[in-house]
């Protein structure tokens, strides 16, 4: 009889909890840590693009002295970037859909960083303006993919809402941060560092993007060359006309001719996009009443916000005699409020929906502009500027994420780049439209003031004009986002 062998009962090895994963594009598992780092990397790139729309503003007097630029040439240091950025966004979105958003994002960011380096090294006005235009081209290739990559990298719907809120906060708050950073480097360094700062940031983002940012599936197809030419031409013509209108006049041949050219190109674009199989701008995106309302709201509110930065920088310099650095720091209440609200807005949208937030936000923005319209030569920063800026930041934080979600929500993954390009084109056009209208109102208001050429009377008219913009956004929300009643309630 064989000896009995005692056996130790088998025990299962302890299970190590795996990190929770969600589903990214095409149903792929998404690691939360990698997703969070990837979103942060893309948001840094988006912040760079937005910083460059304002960071150079406070350095313009130093640039003028150093390179000998006159007022007309100096305006092109800003306009060259705006024209290229706003004009090529739709094309950048379609290229990302066709060739891979991460690949186009990286190519655009590399061009942006290189042109920033060349701009910082510029020793002639021509070289600086050319570098700024190249920056705009790089930004137009990078920006549409940025939003699509941010939302694609999120592991679930709640994470997508949070990512969209952060993206909106960066898009709105980046401009004011640009004023702070521009004032800092101009005050204690050189205007060239307003451009050089992009180089190390760009290299860092490029080094991390391939490792942590999730590429989205490509959706190749026959490229819409006619749509690319007409969309780019129409956007450039509109932005050029609006940036030049305050100087040339709204009825000047240049302004009227550029707007007429934009209308012709837009008509050709509309006819083309209905016929081609892979349009640059899908007509389906413009058939939703809610998406159209979102586009109008973004145009109006973004135009008002950009104009506010322009007006208050002048007021702080000319009336309150703030330095470049102090003028930048003066916008911190708005910036901090926007970023603080980005943490709360996704939960508010989940609980109440977009419409209530947009109504409250647009009405609050209107109040902040009416408040700022009361500024005069005896006003002080506390509370006459600080308090309305704080209110403005809170209300802007309530508006932009819900409005952006109206535009990009419900879009098929293969068209996310086009929807993102449409959103950001609307932002750029809104800024150009708002600034052109408000600058004209400021000039008319100053001319009608008691002291010819005085700044304060023009400020009053200009801020009331921005209030009219956000009041129109409130009206658009009321009419365009009416609650849909079901049939049962209508029969009852």
Protein backbone atom coordinates (compact mmCIF):
# COMPACT_ATOMS: atom_id res chain seq x y z
CA UNK A 1 0.00 0.00 0.00
CA UNK A 2 1.63 3.24 -1.18
CA UNK A 3 2.37 5.91 1.41
CA UNK A 4 -0.13 8.69 1.78
CA UNK A 5 1.15 11.99 0.46
CA UNK A 6 -0.25 15.06 2.12
CA UNK A 7 -1.21 17.74 -0.32
CA UNK A 8 -1.32 21.41 0.36
CA UNK A 9 -4.53 22.87 -0.93
CA UNK A 10 -3.99 25.11 -3.92
CA UNK A 11 -4.61 28.79 -3.44
CA UNK A 12 -5.16 31.30 -6.17
CA UNK A 13 -2.53 33.99 -6.45
CA UNK A 14 -3.73 37.38 -5.23
CA UNK A 15 -5.32 39.40 -7.99
CA UNK A 16 -3.75 42.73 -8.72
CA UNK A 17 -6.39 45.31 -9.53
CA UNK A 18 -6.02 46.61 -13.07
CA UNK A 19 -6.45 50.26 -13.85
CA UNK A 20 -9.92 51.12 -14.97
CA UNK A 21 -10.14 51.52 -18.69
CA UNK A 22 -12.71 53.06 -20.90
CA UNK A 23 -13.27 52.97 -24.61
CA UNK A 24 -11.61 55.40 -26.97
CA UNK A 25 -11.99 55.72 -30.74
CA UNK A 26 -12.99 52.57 -32.57
CA UNK A 27 -13.75 50.90 -29.23
CA UNK A 28 -10.10 50.67 -28.16
CA UNK A 29 -9.32 50.45 -24.46
CA UNK A 30 -7.98 53.69 -22.99
CA UNK A 31 -5.61 53.70 -20.02
CA UNK A 32 -6.71 56.54 -17.67
CA UNK A 33 -3.16 57.65 -16.86
CA UNK A 34 -2.08 57.75 -20.48
CA UNK A 35 -5.32 59.48 -21.44
CA UNK A 36 -4.87 62.20 -18.79
CA UNK A 37 -1.27 62.90 -19.79
CA UNK A 38 -2.19 62.92 -23.48
CA UNK A 39 -5.02 65.41 -22.91
CA UNK A 40 -2.67 67.65 -20.89
CA UNK A 41 -0.07 67.57 -23.67
CA UNK A 42 -2.61 68.59 -26.31
CA UNK A 43 -4.02 71.34 -24.08
CA UNK A 44 -0.53 72.82 -23.69
CA UNK A 45 -0.28 72.98 -27.49
CA UNK A 46 -3.71 74.65 -27.71
CA UNK A 47 -2.65 77.14 -25.05
CA UNK A 48 0.42 78.05 -27.13
CA UNK A 49 -1.75 78.84 -30.15
CA UNK A 50 -4.09 81.04 -28.13
CA UNK A 51 -1.25 82.79 -26.31
CA UNK A 52 0.16 83.90 -29.63
CA UNK A 53 -3.03 85.71 -30.56
CA UNK A 54 -2.43 88.20 -27.71
CA UNK A 55 1.08 87.75 -26.27
CA UNK A 56 2.58 90.06 -28.90
CA UNK A 57 0.00 92.83 -28.25
CA UNK A 58 1.70 94.38 -25.25
CA UNK A 59 5.10 94.15 -26.98
CA UNK A 60 4.05 96.12 -30.08
CA UNK A 61 5.55 99.46 -28.90
CA UNK A 62 8.95 97.78 -28.33
CA UNK A 63 8.74 96.01 -31.71
CA UNK A 64 7.93 99.29 -33.42
CA UNK A 65 10.98 100.98 -31.86
CA UNK A 66 13.35 98.07 -32.49
CA UNK A 67 12.43 97.30 -36.11
CA UNK A 68 11.18 100.73 -37.16
CA UNK A 69 7.63 99.67 -38.08
CA UNK A 70 5.02 102.31 -38.77
CA UNK A 71 1.41 101.95 -37.57
CA UNK A 72 0.22 100.29 -40.81
CA UNK A 73 3.02 97.72 -40.86
CA UNK A 74 2.75 97.14 -37.12
CA UNK A 75 -0.88 96.04 -37.45
CA UNK A 76 0.26 93.26 -39.78
CA UNK A 77 2.32 91.70 -36.98
CA UNK A 78 -1.09 90.76 -35.55
CA UNK A 79 -3.12 90.47 -38.76
CA UNK A 80 -0.71 88.08 -40.55
CA UNK A 81 -1.22 85.51 -37.80
CA UNK A 82 -4.98 86.04 -37.64
CA UNK A 83 -5.45 85.80 -41.42
CA UNK A 84 -3.48 82.57 -41.83
CA UNK A 85 -4.94 80.97 -38.69
CA UNK A 86 -8.56 81.84 -39.39
CA UNK A 87 -8.35 81.24 -43.14
CA UNK A 88 -6.87 77.73 -43.06
CA UNK A 89 -8.68 76.10 -40.11
CA UNK A 90 -11.26 74.25 -42.22
CA UNK A 91 -8.49 72.91 -44.45
CA UNK A 92 -6.51 71.84 -41.38
CA UNK A 93 -9.52 69.97 -40.04
CA UNK A 94 -10.05 68.03 -43.27
CA UNK A 95 -6.33 67.18 -43.58
CA UNK A 96 -6.46 65.72 -40.07
CA UNK A 97 -9.49 63.58 -40.94
CA UNK A 98 -7.78 62.28 -44.09
CA UNK A 99 -4.16 61.76 -42.99
CA UNK A 100 -4.45 61.23 -39.23
CA UNK A 101 -5.06 63.98 -36.70
CA UNK A 102 -1.98 63.29 -34.62
CA UNK A 103 0.26 63.33 -37.69
CA UNK A 104 -1.13 66.65 -38.95
CA UNK A 105 -1.11 68.02 -35.37
CA UNK A 106 2.61 67.24 -35.08
CA UNK A 107 3.44 68.71 -38.49
CA UNK A 108 1.58 71.93 -37.68
CA UNK A 109 3.21 72.22 -34.26
CA UNK A 110 6.69 71.72 -35.73
CA UNK A 111 6.03 74.52 -38.25
CA UNK A 112 4.65 76.71 -35.47
CA UNK A 113 7.74 76.24 -33.26
CA UNK A 114 10.18 76.77 -36.14
CA UNK A 115 8.45 79.94 -37.34
CA UNK A 116 8.38 81.21 -33.72
CA UNK A 117 12.16 80.81 -33.61
CA UNK A 118 12.58 82.66 -36.92
CA UNK A 119 10.22 85.42 -35.75
CA UNK A 120 12.21 85.89 -32.56
CA UNK A 121 15.41 86.18 -34.62
CA UNK A 122 13.85 88.63 -37.13
CA UNK A 123 15.82 91.80 -37.87
CA UNK A 124 13.48 93.24 -40.49
CA UNK A 125 9.73 93.89 -40.61
CA UNK A 126 9.32 91.59 -43.63
CA UNK A 127 10.95 88.65 -41.85
CA UNK A 128 8.84 89.15 -38.72
CA UNK A 129 5.54 89.42 -40.64
CA UNK A 130 6.41 86.36 -42.77
CA UNK A 131 7.22 84.39 -39.62
CA UNK A 132 3.91 85.43 -38.05
CA UNK A 133 2.05 84.23 -41.17
CA UNK A 134 3.91 80.90 -40.99
CA UNK A 135 2.93 80.66 -37.31
CA UNK A 136 -0.69 81.09 -38.38
CA UNK A 137 -0.39 78.28 -40.93
CA UNK A 138 1.11 75.98 -38.29
CA UNK A 139 -1.66 76.93 -35.84
CA UNK A 140 -4.35 76.18 -38.44
CA UNK A 141 -2.94 72.69 -38.94
CA UNK A 142 -2.59 72.06 -35.19
CA UNK A 143 -5.80 73.50 -33.72
CA UNK A 144 -8.54 71.34 -35.37
CA UNK A 145 -6.70 68.15 -34.45
CA UNK A 146 -6.19 69.40 -30.90
CA UNK A 147 -9.89 69.38 -30.05
CA UNK A 148 -10.49 66.07 -31.83
CA UNK A 149 -7.54 64.44 -30.02
CA UNK A 150 -8.66 65.79 -26.65
CA UNK A 151 -12.15 64.31 -26.97
CA UNK A 152 -10.90 61.07 -28.56
CA UNK A 153 -8.45 60.52 -25.71
CA UNK A 154 -11.20 60.62 -23.06
CA UNK A 155 -12.26 57.19 -21.76
CA UNK A 156 -16.00 57.89 -21.31
CA UNK A 157 -18.67 60.54 -21.80
CA UNK A 158 -18.05 62.23 -18.45
CA UNK A 159 -14.32 62.45 -19.22
CA UNK A 160 -15.12 63.89 -22.65
CA UNK A 161 -17.23 66.62 -21.03
CA UNK A 162 -14.40 67.44 -18.63
CA UNK A 163 -11.88 67.52 -21.48
CA UNK A 164 -14.15 69.77 -23.52
CA UNK A 165 -14.56 72.12 -20.53
CA UNK A 166 -10.78 72.35 -20.09
CA UNK A 167 -10.35 72.94 -23.82
CA UNK A 168 -12.93 75.74 -23.71
CA UNK A 169 -11.24 77.29 -20.67
CA UNK A 170 -7.87 77.23 -22.43
CA UNK A 171 -9.41 78.68 -25.59
CA UNK A 172 -11.01 81.58 -23.71
CA UNK A 173 -8.47 82.10 -20.94
CA UNK A 174 -5.42 81.66 -23.16
CA UNK A 175 -5.81 85.15 -24.58
CA UNK A 176 -5.72 86.79 -21.15
CA UNK A 177 -2.79 84.62 -20.07
CA UNK A 178 -1.03 85.85 -23.21
CA UNK A 179 -1.37 89.42 -21.96
CA UNK A 180 0.12 88.46 -18.58
CA UNK A 181 3.03 86.53 -20.10
CA UNK A 182 3.59 89.18 -22.77
CA UNK A 183 3.74 91.90 -20.14
CA UNK A 184 6.16 89.85 -18.01
CA UNK A 185 8.70 89.07 -20.73
CA UNK A 186 8.44 92.55 -22.28
CA UNK A 187 8.92 94.26 -18.92
CA UNK A 188 11.91 92.19 -17.80
CA UNK A 189 13.36 90.85 -21.03
CA UNK A 190 12.86 91.46 -24.73
CA UNK A 191 9.88 91.37 -27.08
CA UNK A 192 11.67 88.51 -28.86
CA UNK A 193 10.86 86.21 -25.95
CA UNK A 194 7.15 86.54 -26.75
CA UNK A 195 8.05 84.30 -29.71
CA UNK A 196 11.00 82.32 -28.30
CA UNK A 197 8.81 80.96 -25.48
CA UNK A 198 7.02 78.73 -28.02
CA UNK A 199 10.21 76.86 -28.97
CA UNK A 200 10.88 74.84 -25.77
CA UNK A 201 7.15 74.28 -25.25
CA UNK A 202 6.77 73.05 -28.83
CA UNK A 203 9.73 70.66 -28.51
CA UNK A 204 8.36 69.27 -25.24
CA UNK A 205 4.89 68.70 -26.70
CA UNK A 206 6.32 67.01 -29.81
CA UNK A 207 8.46 64.72 -27.64
CA UNK A 208 5.46 63.64 -25.52
CA UNK A 209 2.70 63.58 -28.14
CA UNK A 210 3.72 60.39 -29.93
CA UNK A 211 4.02 58.54 -26.61
CA UNK A 212 0.85 59.64 -24.82
CA UNK A 213 -1.62 61.04 -27.39
CA UNK A 214 -3.91 58.49 -28.98
CA UNK A 215 -4.06 58.65 -32.77
CA UNK A 216 -7.52 58.56 -34.31
CA UNK A 217 -8.45 56.39 -37.31
CA UNK A 218 -7.81 57.88 -40.73
CA UNK A 219 -10.74 58.50 -43.06
CA UNK A 220 -9.13 59.01 -46.46
CA UNK A 221 -11.07 59.94 -49.54
CA UNK A 222 -10.86 62.05 -52.63
CA UNK A 223 -9.63 65.48 -51.56
CA UNK A 224 -11.94 68.43 -52.14
CA UNK A 225 -9.53 70.90 -53.79
CA UNK A 226 -12.26 73.30 -54.93
CA UNK A 227 -13.71 73.37 -51.43
CA UNK A 228 -10.24 73.93 -49.93
CA UNK A 229 -9.52 76.90 -52.24
CA UNK A 230 -12.94 78.54 -51.87
CA UNK A 231 -13.23 78.01 -48.09
CA UNK A 232 -9.73 79.35 -47.48
CA UNK A 233 -10.23 82.27 -49.86
CA UNK A 234 -13.60 83.21 -48.35
CA UNK A 235 -12.30 83.08 -44.77
CA UNK A 236 -9.18 85.09 -45.61
CA UNK A 237 -11.22 87.69 -47.50
CA UNK A 238 -13.67 88.12 -44.61
CA UNK A 239 -10.96 88.38 -41.97
CA UNK A 240 -8.93 90.83 -44.11
CA UNK A 241 -11.97 93.03 -44.77
CA UNK A 242 -12.91 93.14 -41.10
CA UNK A 243 -9.40 93.82 -39.81
CA UNK A 244 -8.94 96.65 -42.33
CA UNK A 245 -12.46 98.14 -42.11
CA UNK A 246 -11.78 100.41 -39.10
CA UNK A 247 -8.87 102.05 -40.96
CA UNK A 248 -10.10 101.87 -44.56
CA UNK A 249 -13.77 102.55 -43.80
CA UNK A 250 -16.76 100.22 -44.11
CA UNK A 251 -17.77 101.65 -47.50
CA UNK A 252 -14.25 101.81 -48.97
CA UNK A 253 -13.61 99.90 -52.22
CA UNK A 254 -11.15 97.62 -50.39
CA UNK A 255 -13.63 96.58 -47.71
CA UNK A 256 -16.63 96.22 -50.02
CA UNK A 257 -14.54 94.39 -52.64
CA UNK A 258 -13.15 91.90 -50.10
CA UNK A 259 -16.61 91.19 -48.65
CA UNK A 260 -18.03 90.74 -52.17
CA UNK A 261 -15.22 88.33 -53.03
CA UNK A 262 -15.92 86.39 -49.82
CA UNK A 263 -19.63 86.15 -50.74
CA UNK A 264 -18.82 84.83 -54.23
CA UNK A 265 -16.36 82.24 -52.89
CA UNK A 266 -18.82 81.17 -50.17
CA UNK A 267 -21.51 80.64 -52.83
CA UNK A 268 -19.16 78.48 -54.91
CA UNK A 269 -18.21 76.57 -51.75
CA UNK A 270 -21.86 75.88 -50.87
CA UNK A 271 -22.61 74.55 -54.37
CA UNK A 272 -19.46 72.43 -54.41
CA UNK A 273 -19.97 70.82 -51.02
CA UNK A 274 -23.40 69.47 -52.06
CA UNK A 275 -21.89 67.59 -55.01
CA UNK A 276 -18.57 66.08 -53.89
CA UNK A 277 -18.34 62.76 -52.06
CA UNK A 278 -15.84 63.95 -49.43
CA UNK A 279 -16.58 67.63 -48.83
CA UNK A 280 -14.29 69.93 -46.87
CA UNK A 281 -17.31 71.31 -44.98
CA UNK A 282 -20.10 68.77 -44.72
CA UNK A 283 -23.55 70.30 -45.32
CA UNK A 284 -24.90 67.87 -42.66
CA UNK A 285 -23.07 69.89 -40.00
CA UNK A 286 -25.19 72.93 -40.83
CA UNK A 287 -28.59 71.21 -40.82
CA UNK A 288 -28.94 71.08 -37.06
CA UNK A 289 -30.77 74.03 -35.50
CA UNK A 290 -28.91 73.48 -32.23
CA UNK A 291 -25.51 73.45 -33.94
CA UNK A 292 -26.34 76.63 -35.86
CA UNK A 293 -27.38 78.27 -32.59
CA UNK A 294 -24.09 77.18 -31.02
CA UNK A 295 -22.10 78.68 -33.90
CA UNK A 296 -23.94 81.99 -33.63
CA UNK A 297 -23.46 82.11 -29.85
CA UNK A 298 -19.71 81.40 -30.16
CA UNK A 299 -19.35 84.08 -32.85
CA UNK A 300 -21.10 86.74 -30.78
CA UNK A 301 -19.55 85.94 -27.39
CA UNK A 302 -16.04 85.40 -28.71
CA UNK A 303 -16.28 88.70 -30.61
CA UNK A 304 -17.31 90.48 -27.41
CA UNK A 305 -14.52 88.89 -25.36
CA UNK A 306 -11.74 89.69 -27.86
CA UNK A 307 -12.98 93.27 -28.06
CA UNK A 308 -12.97 93.51 -24.27
CA UNK A 309 -9.27 92.61 -24.12
CA UNK A 310 -8.53 95.25 -26.77
CA UNK A 311 -10.52 97.97 -25.03
CA UNK A 312 -9.32 97.31 -21.50
CA UNK A 313 -5.64 97.13 -22.49
CA UNK A 314 -6.03 100.65 -23.90
CA UNK A 315 -7.91 101.85 -20.84
CA UNK A 316 -5.37 100.44 -18.41
CA UNK A 317 -2.47 101.99 -20.32
CA UNK A 318 -3.94 105.35 -21.27
CA UNK A 319 -6.20 106.18 -18.33
CA UNK A 320 -4.83 104.23 -15.35
CA UNK A 321 -1.18 104.41 -16.57
CA UNK A 322 -0.53 100.71 -15.90
CA UNK A 323 2.76 99.19 -17.08
CA UNK A 324 2.72 96.29 -19.55
CA UNK A 325 3.13 93.76 -16.74
CA UNK A 326 0.53 95.34 -14.48
CA UNK A 327 -1.94 95.55 -17.36
CA UNK A 328 -1.50 91.84 -17.98
CA UNK A 329 -1.94 90.97 -14.30
CA UNK A 330 -5.11 93.08 -14.20
CA UNK A 331 -6.88 90.38 -16.24
CA UNK A 332 -6.18 87.60 -13.73
CA UNK A 333 -9.67 87.79 -12.13
CA UNK A 334 -11.22 86.93 -15.49
CA UNK A 335 -8.67 84.21 -16.28
CA UNK A 336 -8.84 82.50 -12.88
CA UNK A 337 -12.64 82.56 -12.90
CA UNK A 338 -12.76 80.93 -16.35
CA UNK A 339 -10.41 78.13 -15.29
CA UNK A 340 -12.24 77.63 -11.99
CA UNK A 341 -15.59 77.28 -13.77
CA UNK A 342 -14.10 74.70 -16.16
CA UNK A 343 -14.06 72.27 -13.20
CA UNK A 344 -17.74 72.82 -12.46
CA UNK A 345 -19.38 73.33 -15.85
CA UNK A 346 -19.37 69.66 -16.99
CA UNK A 347 -21.38 68.65 -13.89
CA UNK A 348 -23.76 71.58 -14.40
CA UNK A 349 -24.32 70.60 -18.04
CA UNK A 350 -24.97 67.01 -16.98
CA UNK A 351 -27.54 68.14 -14.44
CA UNK A 352 -29.27 71.10 -16.12
CA UNK A 353 -28.37 70.87 -19.82
CA UNK A 354 -26.78 73.53 -22.02
CA UNK A 355 -29.67 75.99 -22.32
CA UNK A 356 -29.93 77.28 -18.70
CA UNK A 357 -26.16 77.79 -18.48
CA UNK A 358 -26.07 79.68 -21.77
CA UNK A 359 -28.96 81.91 -20.69
CA UNK A 360 -27.40 82.77 -17.33
CA UNK A 361 -23.93 83.19 -18.83
CA UNK A 362 -24.98 85.43 -21.72
CA UNK A 363 -27.10 87.61 -19.44
CA UNK A 364 -24.24 87.92 -16.93
CA UNK A 365 -21.78 88.85 -19.69
CA UNK A 366 -24.17 91.55 -20.85
CA UNK A 367 -24.28 92.92 -17.32
CA UNK A 368 -20.47 92.94 -17.08
CA UNK A 369 -20.16 94.99 -20.29
CA UNK A 370 -22.82 97.48 -19.21
CA UNK A 371 -20.90 97.80 -15.93
CA UNK A 372 -17.63 98.46 -17.82
CA UNK A 373 -19.38 101.05 -19.98
CA UNK A 374 -19.51 103.25 -16.88
CA UNK A 375 -15.72 103.63 -16.75
CA UNK A 376 -14.44 107.20 -16.85
CA UNK A 377 -11.21 109.08 -16.16
CA UNK A 378 -11.86 109.06 -12.39
CA UNK A 379 -12.47 105.30 -12.09
CA UNK A 380 -10.02 103.11 -10.18
CA UNK A 381 -9.12 99.46 -10.80
CA UNK A 382 -10.85 98.38 -7.57
CA UNK A 383 -13.78 97.92 -7.94
CA UNK A 384 -14.61 99.56 -11.30
CA UNK A 385 -12.52 97.12 -13.39
CA UNK A 386 -11.89 94.22 -11.01
CA UNK A 387 -15.53 93.44 -10.19
CA UNK A 388 -16.94 93.38 -13.76
CA UNK A 389 -13.91 91.35 -14.92
CA UNK A 390 -14.60 88.76 -12.23
CA UNK A 391 -18.28 88.61 -13.23
CA UNK A 392 -17.23 88.35 -16.88
CA UNK A 393 -14.91 85.40 -16.20
CA UNK A 394 -17.57 83.49 -14.26
CA UNK A 395 -20.18 83.99 -16.98
CA UNK A 396 -17.76 83.24 -19.83
CA UNK A 397 -16.96 79.97 -18.06
CA UNK A 398 -20.67 79.13 -18.11
CA UNK A 399 -21.04 79.85 -21.84
CA UNK A 400 -18.18 78.40 -23.84
CA UNK A 401 -18.19 74.74 -22.88
CA UNK A 402 -21.97 74.31 -23.43
CA UNK A 403 -21.75 76.23 -26.73
CA UNK A 404 -18.79 74.13 -27.90
CA UNK A 405 -20.62 70.91 -27.00
CA UNK A 406 -23.56 72.02 -29.17
CA UNK A 407 -21.19 72.32 -32.14
CA UNK A 408 -19.05 69.19 -31.80
CA UNK A 409 -21.57 66.95 -30.01
CA UNK A 410 -23.24 64.19 -32.01
CA UNK A 411 -20.68 64.36 -34.84
CA UNK A 412 -19.48 61.06 -36.33
CA UNK A 413 -15.81 60.32 -35.43
CA UNK A 414 -14.70 60.57 -39.06
CA UNK A 415 -15.95 64.18 -39.21
CA UNK A 416 -14.67 65.34 -35.81
CA UNK A 417 -11.79 67.26 -37.37
CA UNK A 418 -14.13 69.14 -39.71
CA UNK A 419 -16.47 70.02 -36.82
CA UNK A 420 -13.51 71.19 -34.75
CA UNK A 421 -12.25 73.30 -37.65
CA UNK A 422 -15.72 74.81 -38.01
CA UNK A 423 -15.85 75.68 -34.29
CA UNK A 424 -12.45 77.35 -34.28
CA UNK A 425 -13.04 79.14 -37.59
CA UNK A 426 -16.16 80.57 -35.97
CA UNK A 427 -14.07 81.75 -33.01
CA UNK A 428 -11.54 83.47 -35.28
CA UNK A 429 -14.21 85.08 -37.44
CA UNK A 430 -16.14 86.12 -34.33
CA UNK A 431 -13.04 87.81 -32.95
CA UNK A 432 -12.42 89.65 -36.22
CA UNK A 433 -16.06 90.70 -36.62
CA UNK A 434 -16.38 91.83 -33.01
CA UNK A 435 -13.14 93.79 -33.03
CA UNK A 436 -13.96 95.54 -36.31
CA UNK A 437 -17.44 96.58 -35.16
CA UNK A 438 -16.32 97.62 -31.68
CA UNK A 439 -13.33 99.64 -32.93
CA UNK A 440 -15.66 101.50 -35.29
CA UNK A 441 -18.10 102.13 -32.42
CA UNK A 442 -15.23 103.33 -30.24
CA UNK A 443 -14.08 105.80 -32.91
CA UNK A 444 -17.62 107.09 -33.44
CA UNK A 445 -18.18 107.42 -29.69
CA UNK A 446 -14.92 109.28 -29.17
CA UNK A 447 -15.76 111.66 -32.01
CA UNK A 448 -19.14 112.40 -30.46
CA UNK A 449 -17.68 113.03 -26.98
CA UNK A 450 -17.33 116.37 -25.34
CA UNK A 451 -13.54 116.28 -25.76
CA UNK A 452 -12.54 115.48 -29.36
CA UNK A 453 -10.33 112.40 -29.52
CA UNK A 454 -10.83 111.57 -25.84
CA UNK A 455 -10.66 107.89 -25.03
CA UNK A 456 -13.34 107.60 -22.37
CA UNK A 457 -16.39 108.60 -24.50
CA UNK A 458 -15.34 106.02 -27.10
CA UNK A 459 -15.02 103.35 -24.42
CA UNK A 460 -18.62 103.94 -23.32
CA UNK A 461 -20.01 103.35 -26.83
CA UNK A 462 -17.69 100.40 -27.45
CA UNK A 463 -18.65 98.49 -24.29
CA UNK A 464 -22.34 99.04 -24.98
CA UNK A 465 -21.69 97.49 -28.39
CA UNK A 466 -20.14 94.39 -26.77
CA UNK A 467 -23.20 94.25 -24.49
CA UNK A 468 -25.38 94.22 -27.61
CA UNK A 469 -23.36 91.23 -28.91
CA UNK A 470 -23.96 89.14 -25.79
CA UNK A 471 -27.59 90.22 -25.56
CA UNK A 472 -27.96 88.88 -29.12
CA UNK A 473 -26.36 85.62 -27.89
CA UNK A 474 -28.99 85.48 -25.12
CA UNK A 475 -31.75 85.98 -27.70
CA UNK A 476 -30.24 83.27 -29.93
CA UNK A 477 -30.30 80.85 -26.99
CA UNK A 478 -33.95 81.65 -26.23
CA UNK A 479 -35.07 81.19 -29.86
CA UNK A 480 -32.62 78.58 -31.15
CA UNK A 481 -32.65 76.21 -28.18
CA UNK A 482 -36.36 76.11 -27.40
CA UNK A 483 -37.27 72.95 -25.43
CA UNK A 484 -38.89 70.34 -27.68
CA UNK A 485 -42.22 69.18 -26.32
CA UNK A 486 -43.32 65.63 -26.96
CA UNK A 487 -46.49 64.86 -28.80
CA UNK A 488 -48.37 63.74 -25.69
CA UNK A 489 -47.84 67.05 -23.94
CA UNK A 490 -48.88 68.94 -27.05
CA UNK A 491 -52.12 66.94 -27.33
CA UNK A 492 -52.88 67.53 -23.69
